[in-house]
Amino acid sequence: MKKTRVVHLITKLELGGAQRNTIFTCENLDRNKFDVFLMSGRGGILSPDIDRMNIGGNDSRERFLYIKDLVREINPLKDFKTYRYLVKEFTRIRPDIVHTHSSKAGIIGRIAAKKAGVPFTVHSVHGFSFSPYQHILKRTIFKKIEKYVSKFTDHFIFVSKSDKAAAEELGLLKRSDSSLIRSGFDYDKFKNKKTDISEIRKKYSIKESDFVCGIIAPFKPQKGLHNLIQIAENVLKRDRRVLFFIAGDGDLREELELELEISGIRDRFRLPGFIHNIGEIIPIFDLGVSTALWEGLPQSLVQLRLLKKAVIATDIPGNNEIIKDGLNGFTVSVGNLVEFADKIIYLKEKRGIRRAFASFDEDLKAWDGKVMVRSQEELYLSMVEKKRD
C-alpha cells in the first residue's frame, strides 16, 4: 500500500500548545501508513525536540526542514522568499497533504501548496490571527487575509468550538469541510503523576505557608500578564502569603520584571522560565490561574484540570470551554481585576470549596494525544481515498 505523504508546517517551534501538538503528531503518525515531514522557521525552544521524529521511523534529518526566512513578523521580502522556497520544496517532496499550523505559516503555506499542485491542504486553527484587542484596521486586514486563504483550504481543524463559530461567522467554511479535534498532548504524563511536592517547593524557595497561584504562559501580550501583576498587587495588600508562580518566558520578561520591582512585589513571584515537563510543577500549585486576553483553547487549563486543580480564568472563548464557573473554578471578565483578586482570596480561605472545584469530574479524554493523532490519521486517509475514488 502506497504511503500517504504529509508535510506539517508551523511558523516557529516555541513552547506552546500548537507547537507541542504539531511535534506530537509528527512523532506518532503511523509510519506504516504515512511519510511525515515537518517544516518550521528557525529558533524556538522546542527545536531540539524534533530529533525525536526519527524514532518513529524516519530515515533522514531531511524529514525536518528549517525555513530561514519564515518569521512571525510581517516582512514582505522574507515572506516572498518563504513562499518561493515552499513552492520549490512542495514540488520536490510531492506531498499528498500539507497541514499548516499558526497564522503566518498557515497563510503562506496554503497558498504555496496550491501553487505547487498539492492535492489537499489542511489548516489547524489554534486561535485566529485577529483579536478584539487589536486596532480595528489591523483586525480588519487579518480577517480579510483569513477569508482569502480559506479558498486554498480543503479542510479546517478547530481545537475549540468558539473558533469554529468565528470561522462560520466570517464565512470561511463555505468551501471547506471542518472537524473539531482537540489539541492533544502526552496524556499519560499527567495521569497518576507522583511528585515530591516538598522538594520542588524547596527548589523554588517556596515556604510551606505560601499559597501558590500557578500560571502556565509564555510572556506574550495575549496572556494578560500585566493584568496579573495588578491582580497580584491587590491580593498582596490583603495577604502576603500568596505567591505567584509563572511557568514561562518570552520577550516581555524584562518589562514584566521591571514592573514587579517598581510595584514592590517581586519577592512574591517566581519566574523560573520555560519548564518542559510542566506535569512536574503543577502539583505544587494550590490554585491554577489564567489571565489570557484571547485564546484558541489552552492545553494548560486541561493539564491543570487533569491534575485536579481549581482554576480562576478569564471568561473568554476557549477558556470557558474548560473552566465551568462555579463547578471546577471561576471565570471572570477580562477587565474585572478586582473581582479576579477577590476570587483568589476567597478560594485561598475557602479550602472546602477549592477542594470541591478540584474534584469536579469531567471527561478530558478528547485531549489525549493518541486520540488527536488517530483522528487526524482518519481524516488524512479519508481525503486521499476520496481522490482515489
Protein backbone atom coordinates (compact mmCIF):
# COMPACT_ATOMS: atom_id res chain seq x y z
CA MET A 1 0.00 0.00 0.00
CA LYS A 2 1.35 3.39 -1.00
CA LYS A 3 2.05 5.61 2.00
CA THR A 4 0.31 8.97 2.33
CA ARG A 5 2.88 11.75 2.37
CA VAL A 6 2.12 14.57 4.83
CA VAL A 7 4.03 17.81 5.43
CA HIS A 8 3.36 19.74 8.64
CA LEU A 9 4.28 23.42 8.54
CA ILE A 10 4.44 25.81 11.52
CA THR A 11 5.90 29.29 11.96
CA LYS A 12 8.20 28.61 14.92
CA LEU A 13 8.76 25.83 17.45
CA GLU A 14 8.07 27.85 20.59
CA LEU A 15 6.94 26.28 23.85
CA GLY A 16 3.20 26.35 23.26
CA GLY A 17 0.21 24.11 22.69
CA ALA A 18 0.18 24.44 18.90
CA GLN A 19 3.87 23.54 18.70
CA ARG A 20 3.64 20.59 21.08
CA ASN A 21 0.54 19.42 19.20
CA THR A 22 2.41 19.51 15.89
CA ILE A 23 5.52 17.73 17.15
CA PHE A 24 3.45 15.06 18.91
CA THR A 25 1.53 14.43 15.69
CA CYS A 26 4.71 14.16 13.61
CA GLU A 27 6.25 11.75 16.12
CA ASN A 28 3.23 9.50 16.38
CA LEU A 29 1.64 9.22 12.94
CA ASP A 30 1.68 5.57 11.87
CA ARG A 31 4.84 5.13 9.78
CA ASN A 32 3.32 2.09 8.09
CA LYS A 33 0.76 4.40 6.52
CA PHE A 34 2.41 7.83 6.42
CA ASP A 35 5.60 9.53 5.28
CA VAL A 36 5.96 12.52 7.60
CA PHE A 37 7.79 15.83 7.13
CA LEU A 38 7.98 18.85 9.44
CA MET A 39 8.91 22.38 8.34
CA SER A 40 9.40 25.40 10.59
CA GLY A 41 11.04 28.78 10.88
CA ARG A 42 14.31 28.89 12.78
CA GLY A 43 14.57 29.25 16.52
CA GLY A 44 12.17 28.23 19.23
CA ILE A 45 12.83 26.37 22.44
CA LEU A 46 11.29 23.14 21.13
CA SER A 47 13.61 22.87 18.11
CA PRO A 48 15.78 20.16 19.76
CA ASP A 49 12.67 18.04 20.27
CA ILE A 50 12.34 17.37 16.55
CA ASP A 51 15.26 14.95 16.79
CA ARG A 52 12.73 12.52 18.25
CA MET A 53 10.86 12.44 14.92
CA ASN A 54 13.31 9.82 13.71
CA ILE A 55 12.24 7.45 16.48
CA GLY A 56 9.02 6.93 14.55
CA GLY A 57 10.87 5.50 11.58
CA ASN A 58 12.01 8.45 9.51
CA ASP A 59 15.31 7.64 7.85
CA SER A 60 16.82 11.08 7.38
CA ARG A 61 17.06 14.50 9.00
CA GLU A 62 15.79 15.80 5.69
CA ARG A 63 12.37 15.00 7.11
CA PHE A 64 12.76 18.15 9.22
CA LEU A 65 13.44 21.36 7.30
CA TYR A 66 14.22 24.81 8.67
CA ILE A 67 12.93 27.78 6.67
CA LYS A 68 15.36 30.61 7.33
CA ASP A 69 13.06 33.39 6.08
CA LEU A 70 9.89 32.29 7.87
CA VAL A 71 9.32 34.75 10.72
CA ARG A 72 6.25 35.75 12.70
CA GLU A 73 6.51 39.46 11.91
CA ILE A 74 5.21 40.82 8.59
CA ASN A 75 8.23 41.19 6.31
CA PRO A 76 7.34 41.37 2.59
CA LEU A 77 10.80 40.35 1.35
CA LYS A 78 11.21 37.40 3.74
CA ASP A 79 7.57 36.38 3.24
CA PHE A 80 8.04 36.25 -0.54
CA LYS A 81 11.27 34.25 -0.16
CA THR A 82 9.42 31.83 2.14
CA TYR A 83 6.66 31.45 -0.44
CA ARG A 84 9.15 30.65 -3.23
CA TYR A 85 11.04 28.21 -1.00
CA LEU A 86 7.84 26.40 -0.06
CA VAL A 87 6.66 26.11 -3.66
CA LYS A 88 10.05 24.64 -4.55
CA GLU A 89 10.09 22.17 -1.63
CA PHE A 90 6.47 21.10 -2.05
CA THR A 91 7.18 20.42 -5.72
CA ARG A 92 10.22 18.34 -4.74
CA ILE A 93 8.60 16.41 -1.87
CA ARG A 94 5.26 15.96 -3.67
CA PRO A 95 3.10 15.55 -0.55
CA ASP A 96 -0.46 14.34 -0.69
CA ILE A 97 -1.36 16.73 2.12
CA VAL A 98 0.14 19.93 3.51
CA HIS A 99 -1.09 20.55 7.04
CA THR A 100 -0.41 24.09 8.30
CA HIS A 101 -0.44 25.50 11.83
CA SER A 102 -0.24 29.09 13.13
CA SER A 103 -1.13 32.27 11.28
CA LYS A 104 1.93 33.17 9.19
CA ALA A 105 2.78 29.60 8.15
CA GLY A 106 -0.90 28.96 7.54
CA ILE A 107 -1.27 31.91 5.18
CA ILE A 108 1.89 31.47 3.12
CA GLY A 109 1.85 27.68 3.29
CA ARG A 110 -1.67 27.19 1.97
CA ILE A 111 -1.11 29.49 -0.99
CA ALA A 112 2.25 27.85 -1.79
CA ALA A 113 0.73 24.36 -1.52
CA LYS A 114 -1.92 25.14 -4.12
CA LYS A 115 0.65 26.77 -6.40
CA ALA A 116 2.78 23.62 -6.16
CA GLY A 117 -0.18 21.41 -7.03
CA VAL A 118 -0.50 19.72 -3.64
CA PRO A 119 -3.79 17.76 -3.75
CA PHE A 120 -5.02 18.71 -0.27
CA THR A 121 -4.38 21.43 2.30
CA VAL A 122 -5.45 21.18 5.93
CA HIS A 123 -5.20 24.09 8.36
CA SER A 124 -5.42 23.80 12.15
CA VAL A 125 -6.82 26.87 13.86
CA HIS A 126 -5.17 27.25 17.27
CA GLY A 127 -6.77 30.68 17.68
CA PHE A 128 -7.06 33.22 14.86
CA SER A 129 -4.54 35.97 14.00
CA PHE A 130 -7.13 38.65 14.80
CA SER A 131 -8.48 39.54 18.24
CA PRO A 132 -10.68 42.19 19.90
CA TYR A 133 -7.55 43.80 21.37
CA GLN A 134 -6.02 44.75 18.04
CA HIS A 135 -6.51 48.07 16.30
CA ILE A 136 -9.63 47.83 14.16
CA LEU A 137 -7.66 48.38 10.93
CA LYS A 138 -5.20 45.58 11.73
CA ARG A 139 -8.04 43.29 12.79
CA THR A 140 -9.95 44.01 9.57
CA ILE A 141 -6.90 43.29 7.41
CA PHE A 142 -6.24 39.96 9.15
CA LYS A 143 -9.88 38.95 8.73
CA LYS A 144 -9.72 39.70 5.00
CA ILE A 145 -6.50 37.69 4.67
CA GLU A 146 -8.03 34.73 6.52
CA LYS A 147 -11.05 34.87 4.24
CA TYR A 148 -8.84 34.97 1.16
CA VAL A 149 -6.69 31.98 2.13
CA SER A 150 -9.75 29.96 3.11
CA LYS A 151 -10.21 29.48 -0.66
CA PHE A 152 -6.98 27.45 -0.65
CA THR A 153 -8.09 25.27 2.28
CA ASP A 154 -9.66 21.86 1.80
CA HIS A 155 -10.24 21.17 5.48
CA PHE A 156 -10.13 23.14 8.72
CA ILE A 157 -9.32 21.56 12.06
CA PHE A 158 -10.53 23.54 15.07
CA VAL A 159 -9.30 22.97 18.61
CA SER A 160 -12.20 24.95 20.10
CA LYS A 161 -15.89 25.36 19.38
CA SER A 162 -15.57 29.14 19.63
CA ASP A 163 -13.03 29.31 16.79
CA LYS A 164 -15.31 27.23 14.60
CA ALA A 165 -18.18 29.61 15.37
CA ALA A 166 -15.96 32.58 14.46
CA ALA A 167 -15.00 30.90 11.18
CA GLU A 168 -18.64 30.29 10.32
CA GLU A 169 -19.47 33.93 11.11
CA LEU A 170 -16.69 35.08 8.77
CA GLY A 171 -17.84 32.72 6.04
CA LEU A 172 -14.57 30.77 5.98
CA LEU A 173 -16.21 27.35 5.78
CA LYS A 174 -18.36 27.78 2.71
CA ARG A 175 -15.92 25.87 0.51
CA SER A 176 -14.34 23.66 3.13
CA ASP A 177 -15.09 20.78 5.40
CA SER A 178 -14.11 21.04 9.04
CA SER A 179 -13.51 18.96 12.16
CA LEU A 180 -13.29 19.62 15.88
CA ILE A 181 -10.12 17.83 17.03
CA ARG A 182 -8.83 18.90 20.42
CA SER A 183 -5.18 19.91 20.79
CA GLY A 184 -3.79 16.76 22.33
CA PHE A 185 -0.64 16.10 24.35
CA ASP A 186 1.07 13.20 26.09
CA TYR A 187 -1.88 12.44 28.34
CA ASP A 188 -0.18 9.63 30.24
CA LYS A 189 2.39 12.04 31.70
CA PHE A 190 -0.40 13.82 33.58
CA LYS A 191 -2.30 10.79 34.86
CA ASN A 192 -1.31 9.22 38.18
CA LYS A 193 1.53 11.73 38.48
CA LYS A 194 3.73 11.28 41.54
CA THR A 195 5.74 14.33 42.56
CA ASP A 196 7.79 15.15 45.64
CA ILE A 197 5.98 18.42 46.34
CA SER A 198 8.16 19.40 49.31
CA GLU A 199 11.36 19.02 47.27
CA ILE A 200 10.04 21.12 44.38
CA ARG A 201 8.78 23.86 46.71
CA LYS A 202 12.20 23.87 48.34
CA LYS A 203 13.88 24.13 44.92
CA TYR A 204 11.99 27.35 44.19
CA SER A 205 12.23 28.78 47.73
CA ILE A 206 8.52 28.36 48.40
CA LYS A 207 7.60 28.16 52.07
CA GLU A 208 5.14 25.66 53.46
CA SER A 209 2.89 28.58 54.43
CA ASP A 210 2.86 30.05 50.89
CA PHE A 211 -0.35 29.72 48.89
CA VAL A 212 0.80 29.18 45.28
CA CYS A 213 -1.15 30.59 42.34
CA GLY A 214 0.27 28.86 39.26
CA ILE A 215 0.22 30.31 35.76
CA ILE A 216 1.45 28.47 32.65
CA ALA A 217 2.01 31.01 29.90
CA PRO A 218 4.63 32.43 27.53
CA PHE A 219 5.38 36.11 28.14
CA LYS A 220 3.23 37.42 25.28
CA PRO A 221 0.71 40.29 25.22
CA GLN A 222 -2.22 37.92 24.72
CA LYS A 223 -1.58 36.22 28.07
CA GLY A 224 -2.52 39.35 30.05
CA LEU A 225 0.44 39.17 32.43
CA HIS A 226 0.39 42.93 33.05
CA ASN A 227 -3.14 42.40 34.36
CA LEU A 228 -1.83 39.59 36.53
CA ILE A 229 0.59 41.98 38.21
CA GLN A 230 -2.24 44.39 39.03
CA ILE A 231 -4.31 41.49 40.37
CA ALA A 232 -1.34 40.36 42.48
CA GLU A 233 -0.87 43.86 43.92
CA ASN A 234 -4.49 43.84 45.05
CA VAL A 235 -4.18 40.35 46.55
CA LEU A 236 -0.90 41.04 48.34
CA LYS A 237 -2.24 44.17 50.01
CA ARG A 238 -4.57 41.81 51.86
CA ASP A 239 -2.47 38.67 52.23
CA ARG A 240 1.32 38.47 51.73
CA ARG A 241 1.27 34.69 52.00
CA VAL A 242 0.06 34.35 48.40
CA LEU A 243 2.83 33.59 45.89
CA PHE A 244 2.55 33.72 42.09
CA PHE A 245 4.48 31.15 40.05
CA ILE A 246 4.67 31.78 36.28
CA ALA A 247 5.98 28.85 34.24
CA GLY A 248 7.03 30.54 31.02
CA ASP A 249 9.31 33.05 29.39
CA GLY A 250 9.47 35.36 26.40
CA ASP A 251 10.10 38.83 25.02
CA LEU A 252 8.16 40.62 27.78
CA ARG A 253 10.34 39.27 30.61
CA GLU A 254 12.43 42.41 31.16
CA GLU A 255 9.35 44.63 31.03
CA LEU A 256 7.43 42.44 33.49
CA GLU A 257 10.35 42.15 35.91
CA LEU A 258 10.76 45.94 35.93
CA GLU A 259 7.05 46.35 36.66
CA LEU A 260 7.33 43.88 39.53
CA GLU A 261 10.32 45.73 41.00
CA ILE A 262 8.55 49.09 40.79
CA SER A 263 5.42 47.70 42.42
CA GLY A 264 7.47 46.15 45.23
CA ILE A 265 6.13 42.61 44.84
CA ARG A 266 9.00 40.88 43.02
CA ASP A 267 9.67 38.69 46.04
CA ARG A 268 6.16 37.21 45.78
CA PHE A 269 6.74 35.96 42.24
CA ARG A 270 8.70 33.02 40.89
CA LEU A 271 9.74 33.30 37.23
CA PRO A 272 11.80 30.16 36.55
CA GLY A 273 11.48 30.35 32.75
CA PHE A 274 10.11 27.67 30.45
CA ILE A 275 9.54 24.32 32.12
CA HIS A 276 9.42 21.43 29.65
CA ASN A 277 7.83 18.87 31.96
CA ILE A 278 5.02 21.01 33.32
CA GLY A 279 3.43 17.95 34.92
CA GLU A 280 6.26 18.03 37.48
CA ILE A 281 5.34 21.57 38.56
CA ILE A 282 1.52 21.68 38.59
CA PRO A 283 1.27 19.54 41.78
CA ILE A 284 2.84 22.38 43.83
CA PHE A 285 0.08 24.80 42.77
CA ASP A 286 -2.71 25.44 45.25
CA LEU A 287 -4.69 27.19 42.53
CA GLY A 288 -4.41 27.49 38.74
CA VAL A 289 -4.76 30.92 37.10
CA SER A 290 -5.16 32.24 33.56
CA THR A 291 -5.35 35.97 32.76
CA ALA A 292 -5.33 35.48 28.97
CA LEU A 293 -6.99 38.17 26.83
CA TRP A 294 -7.75 35.77 23.99
CA GLU A 295 -7.08 32.09 23.30
CA GLY A 296 -7.70 29.18 20.98
CA LEU A 297 -8.09 26.55 23.66
CA PRO A 298 -5.11 26.34 26.01
CA GLN A 299 -3.69 22.90 26.79
CA SER A 300 -2.52 24.31 30.13
CA LEU A 301 -6.06 24.56 31.51
CA VAL A 302 -6.75 20.95 30.55
CA GLN A 303 -3.50 19.92 32.23
CA LEU A 304 -4.38 21.83 35.40
CA ARG A 305 -7.72 20.05 35.49
CA LEU A 306 -6.16 16.64 34.82
CA LEU A 307 -4.08 17.18 37.94
CA LYS A 308 -7.18 18.29 39.84
CA LYS A 309 -6.50 21.96 40.36
CA ALA A 310 -9.26 24.51 40.85
CA VAL A 311 -8.79 27.34 38.34
CA ILE A 312 -9.64 31.01 38.04
CA ALA A 313 -9.58 32.11 34.41
CA THR A 314 -10.70 34.99 32.26
CA ASP A 315 -14.13 34.44 30.77
CA ILE A 316 -13.10 34.27 27.13
CA PRO A 317 -13.80 31.80 24.30
CA GLY A 318 -11.58 28.76 24.75
CA ASN A 319 -11.06 29.23 28.49
CA ASN A 320 -14.75 28.84 29.21
CA GLU A 321 -14.92 25.55 27.33
CA ILE A 322 -12.76 24.07 30.10
CA ILE A 323 -13.43 26.16 33.20
CA LYS A 324 -17.09 25.99 34.21
CA ASP A 325 -17.92 28.84 36.55
CA GLY A 326 -18.90 27.53 39.97
CA LEU A 327 -18.16 23.90 39.09
CA ASN A 328 -14.38 23.48 38.64
CA GLY A 329 -13.35 27.08 39.26
CA PHE A 330 -14.37 30.63 38.48
CA THR A 331 -14.43 32.63 35.26
CA VAL A 332 -14.04 36.41 35.50
CA SER A 333 -14.44 39.04 32.78
CA VAL A 334 -11.13 40.26 31.36
CA GLY A 335 -11.31 43.81 32.72
CA ASN A 336 -12.54 42.97 36.21
CA LEU A 337 -9.20 42.75 38.00
CA VAL A 338 -10.67 43.47 41.44
CA GLU A 339 -13.10 40.57 41.16
CA PHE A 340 -10.26 38.32 40.00
CA ALA A 341 -8.27 39.25 43.11
CA ASP A 342 -11.34 38.71 45.29
CA LYS A 343 -11.78 35.21 43.87
CA ILE A 344 -8.15 34.32 44.67
CA ILE A 345 -8.57 35.43 48.28
CA TYR A 346 -11.92 33.64 48.51
CA LEU A 347 -10.56 30.29 47.30
CA LYS A 348 -7.49 30.62 49.50
CA GLU A 349 -9.71 31.00 52.53
CA LYS A 350 -12.40 28.50 51.47
CA ARG A 351 -10.42 25.28 51.29
CA GLY A 352 -13.54 23.13 51.15
CA ILE A 353 -14.89 24.91 48.07
CA ARG A 354 -11.46 24.79 46.46
CA ARG A 355 -11.32 21.04 47.01
CA ALA A 356 -14.85 20.61 45.63
CA PHE A 357 -13.82 22.50 42.47
CA ALA A 358 -10.64 20.44 42.23
CA SER A 359 -12.51 17.14 42.47
CA PHE A 360 -15.18 18.06 39.89
CA ASP A 361 -15.48 15.14 37.47
CA GLU A 362 -15.16 15.86 33.75
CA ASP A 363 -14.24 13.88 30.65
CA LEU A 364 -10.99 15.20 29.18
CA LYS A 365 -10.07 12.19 27.05
CA ALA A 366 -10.51 14.22 23.84
CA TRP A 367 -7.20 15.92 24.72
CA ASP A 368 -5.31 12.62 24.81
CA GLY A 369 -2.63 12.95 22.13
CA LYS A 370 -3.37 9.43 20.91
CA VAL A 371 -6.99 10.41 20.23
CA MET A 372 -5.84 13.53 18.37
CA VAL A 373 -3.39 11.61 16.18
CA ARG A 374 -5.88 8.86 15.41
CA SER A 375 -8.50 11.45 14.39
CA GLN A 376 -6.01 13.16 12.08
CA GLU A 377 -4.96 9.85 10.54
CA GLU A 378 -8.57 9.05 9.77
CA LEU A 379 -9.04 12.49 8.23
CA TYR A 380 -5.93 12.22 6.02
CA LEU A 381 -6.83 8.75 4.78
CA SER A 382 -10.42 9.73 4.03
CA MET A 383 -9.22 12.70 1.95
CA VAL A 384 -6.79 10.59 -0.05
CA GLU A 385 -9.37 7.84 -0.54
CA LYS A 386 -11.83 10.37 -1.98
CA LYS A 387 -9.23 11.37 -4.54
CA ARG A 388 -8.54 7.73 -5.49
CA ASP A 389 -12.26 7.01 -5.86
